C-alpha atoms as a PDB file:
ATOM      1  CA  MET A   1      67.960  54.147-147.100  1.00  0.00           C
ATOM      2  CA  SER A   2      66.401  54.547-150.516  1.00  0.00           C
ATOM      3  CA  ILE A   3      65.870  58.177-151.524  1.00  0.00           C
ATOM      4  CA  LYS A   4      62.547  58.791-153.276  1.00  0.00           C
ATOM      5  CA  LYS A   5      61.150  62.130-152.100  1.00  0.00           C
ATOM      6  CA  ILE A   6      63.375  65.210-151.862  1.00  0.00           C
ATOM      7  CA  LEU A   7      62.461  68.544-150.303  1.00  0.00           C
ATOM      8  CA  ILE A   8      64.177  71.414-152.121  1.00  0.00           C
ATOM      9  CA  VAL A   9      64.494  74.559-149.989  1.00  0.00           C
ATOM     10  CA  GLU A  10      65.354  77.255-152.514  1.00  0.00           C
ATOM     11  CA  ASP A  11      64.023  80.778-153.080  1.00  0.00           C
ATOM     12  CA  ASP A  12      65.069  81.161-156.746  1.00  0.00           C
ATOM     13  CA  THR A  13      62.363  79.922-159.132  1.00  0.00           C
ATOM     14  CA  ASP A  14      64.817  79.110-161.927  1.00  0.00           C
ATOM     15  CA  VAL A  15      67.044  77.107-159.591  1.00  0.00           C
ATOM     16  CA  ARG A  16      64.000  75.192-158.268  1.00  0.00           C
ATOM     17  CA  LEU A  17      63.073  74.368-161.871  1.00  0.00           C
ATOM     18  CA  GLY A  18      66.625  73.155-162.531  1.00  0.00           C
ATOM     19  CA  TYR A  19      66.462  70.833-159.536  1.00  0.00           C
ATOM     20  CA  HIS A  20      63.032  69.575-160.558  1.00  0.00           C
ATOM     21  CA  VAL A  21      64.096  68.740-164.129  1.00  0.00           C
ATOM     22  CA  LEU A  22      67.300  67.013-163.008  1.00  0.00           C
ATOM     23  CA  LEU A  23      65.719  65.042-160.199  1.00  0.00           C
ATOM     24  CA  LYS A  24      62.562  64.049-162.089  1.00  0.00           C
ATOM     25  CA  ALA A  25      64.734  62.760-164.961  1.00  0.00           C
ATOM     26  CA  ASN A  26      66.480  60.594-162.367  1.00  0.00           C
ATOM     27  CA  HIS A  27      63.221  59.256-160.882  1.00  0.00           C
ATOM     28  CA  TYR A  28      63.004  61.375-157.715  1.00  0.00           C
ATOM     29  CA  ASP A  29      59.864  63.105-156.490  1.00  0.00           C
ATOM     30  CA  THR A  30      60.361  66.708-155.460  1.00  0.00           C
ATOM     31  CA  VAL A  31      58.524  69.055-153.137  1.00  0.00           C
ATOM     32  CA  PHE A  32      59.537  72.646-152.579  1.00  0.00           C
ATOM     33  CA  ALA A  33      59.836  75.329-149.939  1.00  0.00           C
ATOM     34  CA  SER A  34      60.859  78.849-150.910  1.00  0.00           C
ATOM     35  CA  ASP A  35      61.794  80.376-147.564  1.00  0.00           C
ATOM     36  CA  ALA A  36      62.969  79.518-144.069  1.00  0.00           C
ATOM     37  CA  LEU A  37      59.473  79.485-142.583  1.00  0.00           C
ATOM     38  CA  SER A  38      58.026  77.051-145.095  1.00  0.00           C
ATOM     39  CA  ALA A  39      61.131  74.839-144.969  1.00  0.00           C
ATOM     40  CA  VAL A  40      60.401  73.386-141.540  1.00  0.00           C
ATOM     41  CA  SER A  41      56.634  73.159-142.052  1.00  0.00           C
ATOM     42  CA  GLY A  42      57.184  71.573-145.482  1.00  0.00           C
ATOM     43  CA  ALA A  43      59.586  69.026-144.038  1.00  0.00           C
ATOM     44  CA  ARG A  44      57.094  68.137-141.303  1.00  0.00           C
ATOM     45  CA  LYS A  45      54.249  67.857-143.804  1.00  0.00           C
ATOM     46  CA  HIS A  46      56.068  65.791-146.451  1.00  0.00           C
ATOM     47  CA  LEU A  47      58.674  63.918-144.337  1.00  0.00           C
ATOM     48  CA  PRO A  48      61.074  63.680-147.286  1.00  0.00           C
ATOM     49  CA  ASP A  49      63.896  61.160-147.577  1.00  0.00           C
ATOM     50  CA  LEU A  50      66.390  63.981-148.219  1.00  0.00           C
ATOM     51  CA  ILE A  51      66.503  67.771-147.993  1.00  0.00           C
ATOM     52  CA  ILE A  52      68.503  70.049-150.294  1.00  0.00           C
ATOM     53  CA  LEU A  53      68.941  73.367-148.488  1.00  0.00           C
ATOM     54  CA  ASP A  54      70.047  76.768-149.759  1.00  0.00           C
ATOM     55  CA  LEU A  55      71.651  79.057-147.165  1.00  0.00           C
ATOM     56  CA  GLY A  56      70.451  82.426-148.454  1.00  0.00           C
ATOM     57  CA  LEU A  57      66.723  82.343-147.811  1.00  0.00           C
ATOM     58  CA  PRO A  58      64.012  84.906-147.173  1.00  0.00           C
ATOM     59  CA  ALA A  59      62.628  84.894-143.614  1.00  0.00           C
ATOM     60  CA  GLY A  60      65.755  83.333-142.097  1.00  0.00           C
ATOM     61  CA  ASP A  61      69.211  82.016-142.707  1.00  0.00           C
ATOM     62  CA  GLY A  62      69.720  78.447-143.929  1.00  0.00           C
ATOM     63  CA  PHE A  63      71.882  77.683-140.897  1.00  0.00           C
ATOM     64  CA  ILE A  64      68.929  78.504-138.640  1.00  0.00           C
ATOM     65  CA  VAL A  65      66.788  76.161-140.723  1.00  0.00           C
ATOM     66  CA  LEU A  66      69.411  73.430-140.422  1.00  0.00           C
ATOM     67  CA  ASP A  67      69.454  73.917-136.637  1.00  0.00           C
ATOM     68  CA  ARG A  68      65.656  73.606-136.559  1.00  0.00           C
ATOM     69  CA  PHE A  69      65.788  70.394-138.573  1.00  0.00           C
ATOM     70  CA  ARG A  70      68.361  68.942-136.176  1.00  0.00           C
ATOM     71  CA  ALA A  71      66.357  69.992-133.090  1.00  0.00           C
ATOM     72  CA  ASP A  72      63.175  68.264-134.314  1.00  0.00           C
ATOM     73  CA  THR A  73      62.996  64.567-133.436  1.00  0.00           C
ATOM     74  CA  ASP A  74      61.207  63.588-136.655  1.00  0.00           C
ATOM     75  CA  LEU A  75      63.326  65.756-138.941  1.00  0.00           C
ATOM     76  CA  SER A  76      66.728  65.182-137.362  1.00  0.00           C
ATOM     77  CA  VAL A  77      67.104  61.814-139.104  1.00  0.00           C
ATOM     78  CA  ILE A  78      66.587  63.271-142.589  1.00  0.00           C
ATOM     79  CA  PRO A  79      69.911  63.862-144.382  1.00  0.00           C
ATOM     80  CA  VAL A  80      70.520  67.427-145.570  1.00  0.00           C
ATOM     81  CA  ILE A  81      72.680  68.547-148.481  1.00  0.00           C
ATOM     82  CA  VAL A  82      73.553  72.239-148.374  1.00  0.00           C
ATOM     83  CA  VAL A  83      73.945  73.848-151.797  1.00  0.00           C
ATOM     84  CA  SER A  84      74.861  77.520-151.697  1.00  0.00           C
ATOM     85  CA  ALA A  85      76.344  80.377-153.681  1.00  0.00           C
ATOM     86  CA  ARG A  86      77.883  81.745-150.486  1.00  0.00           C
ATOM     87  CA  ASP A  87      81.629  81.878-150.177  1.00  0.00           C
ATOM     88  CA  LEU A  88      82.903  78.385-149.455  1.00  0.00           C
ATOM     89  CA  HIS A  89      85.345  79.576-146.788  1.00  0.00           C
ATOM     90  CA  GLY A  90      83.880  78.775-143.397  1.00  0.00           C
ATOM     91  CA  ASN A  91      80.386  77.975-144.645  1.00  0.00           C
ATOM     92  CA  LYS A  92      81.189  74.400-145.670  1.00  0.00           C
ATOM     93  CA  GLU A  93      82.764  73.597-142.313  1.00  0.00           C
ATOM     94  CA  HIS A  94      79.898  75.269-140.447  1.00  0.00           C
ATOM     95  CA  ALA A  95      77.291  73.325-142.451  1.00  0.00           C
ATOM     96  CA  LEU A  96      79.013  69.983-141.909  1.00  0.00           C
ATOM     97  CA  GLN A  97      79.469  70.652-138.181  1.00  0.00           C
ATOM     98  CA  ALA A  98      75.782  71.590-137.982  1.00  0.00           C
ATOM     99  CA  GLY A  99      74.849  68.176-139.354  1.00  0.00           C
ATOM    100  CA  ALA A 100      74.713  68.520-143.141  1.00  0.00           C
ATOM    101  CA  ARG A 101      75.643  65.364-145.031  1.00  0.00           C
ATOM    102  CA  ALA A 102      77.415  67.374-147.751  1.00  0.00           C
ATOM    103  CA  TYR A 103      78.042  70.910-149.002  1.00  0.00           C
ATOM    104  CA  LEU A 104      78.081  71.896-152.668  1.00  0.00           C
ATOM    105  CA  GLN A 105      78.916  75.261-154.161  1.00  0.00           C
ATOM    106  CA  LYS A 106      76.522  76.788-156.731  1.00  0.00           C
ATOM    107  CA  PRO A 107      76.472  76.271-159.582  1.00  0.00           C
ATOM    108  CA  TRP A 108      76.543  72.609-158.707  1.00  0.00           C
ATOM    109  CA  ASN A 109      77.700  69.770-160.931  1.00  0.00           C
ATOM    110  CA  ASP A 110      74.729  67.511-161.732  1.00  0.00           C
ATOM    111  CA  ASP A 111      76.770  64.303-161.577  1.00  0.00           C
ATOM    112  CA  GLU A 112      78.272  65.273-158.222  1.00  0.00           C
ATOM    113  CA  LEU A 113      74.860  66.114-156.763  1.00  0.00           C
ATOM    114  CA  LEU A 114      73.369  62.840-158.005  1.00  0.00           C
ATOM    115  CA  ALA A 115      76.318  60.886-156.592  1.00  0.00           C
ATOM    116  CA  ILE A 116      75.816  62.479-153.157  1.00  0.00           C
ATOM    117  CA  ILE A 117      72.082  61.744-153.272  1.00  0.00           C
ATOM    118  CA  GLY A 118      73.041  58.157-154.054  1.00  0.00           C
END
């Protein structure tokens, strides 16, 4: 699958800008959601090719969002990369078991993120 449109679910404005600059420079289109509520509605509206999901979100935990993505027939096929500042211990395993394609610790390495996106 060719990745073109990426939904970034991130509440920090500066981090969203960092994603946008990196991904635009690498020819990806980005759309954004800033909380758990808008994450699912944004994914349904835009049907992105990939979702980058933060775990610490207003209005709900990122794991709940990931569960909602996986429970939705249309969204369950969209790969999710979890990128979080949360302690790696336990969270990475939980995210991967919940269906995430990959888990990166913040601050992420640009080359590593781009390699995972493919």
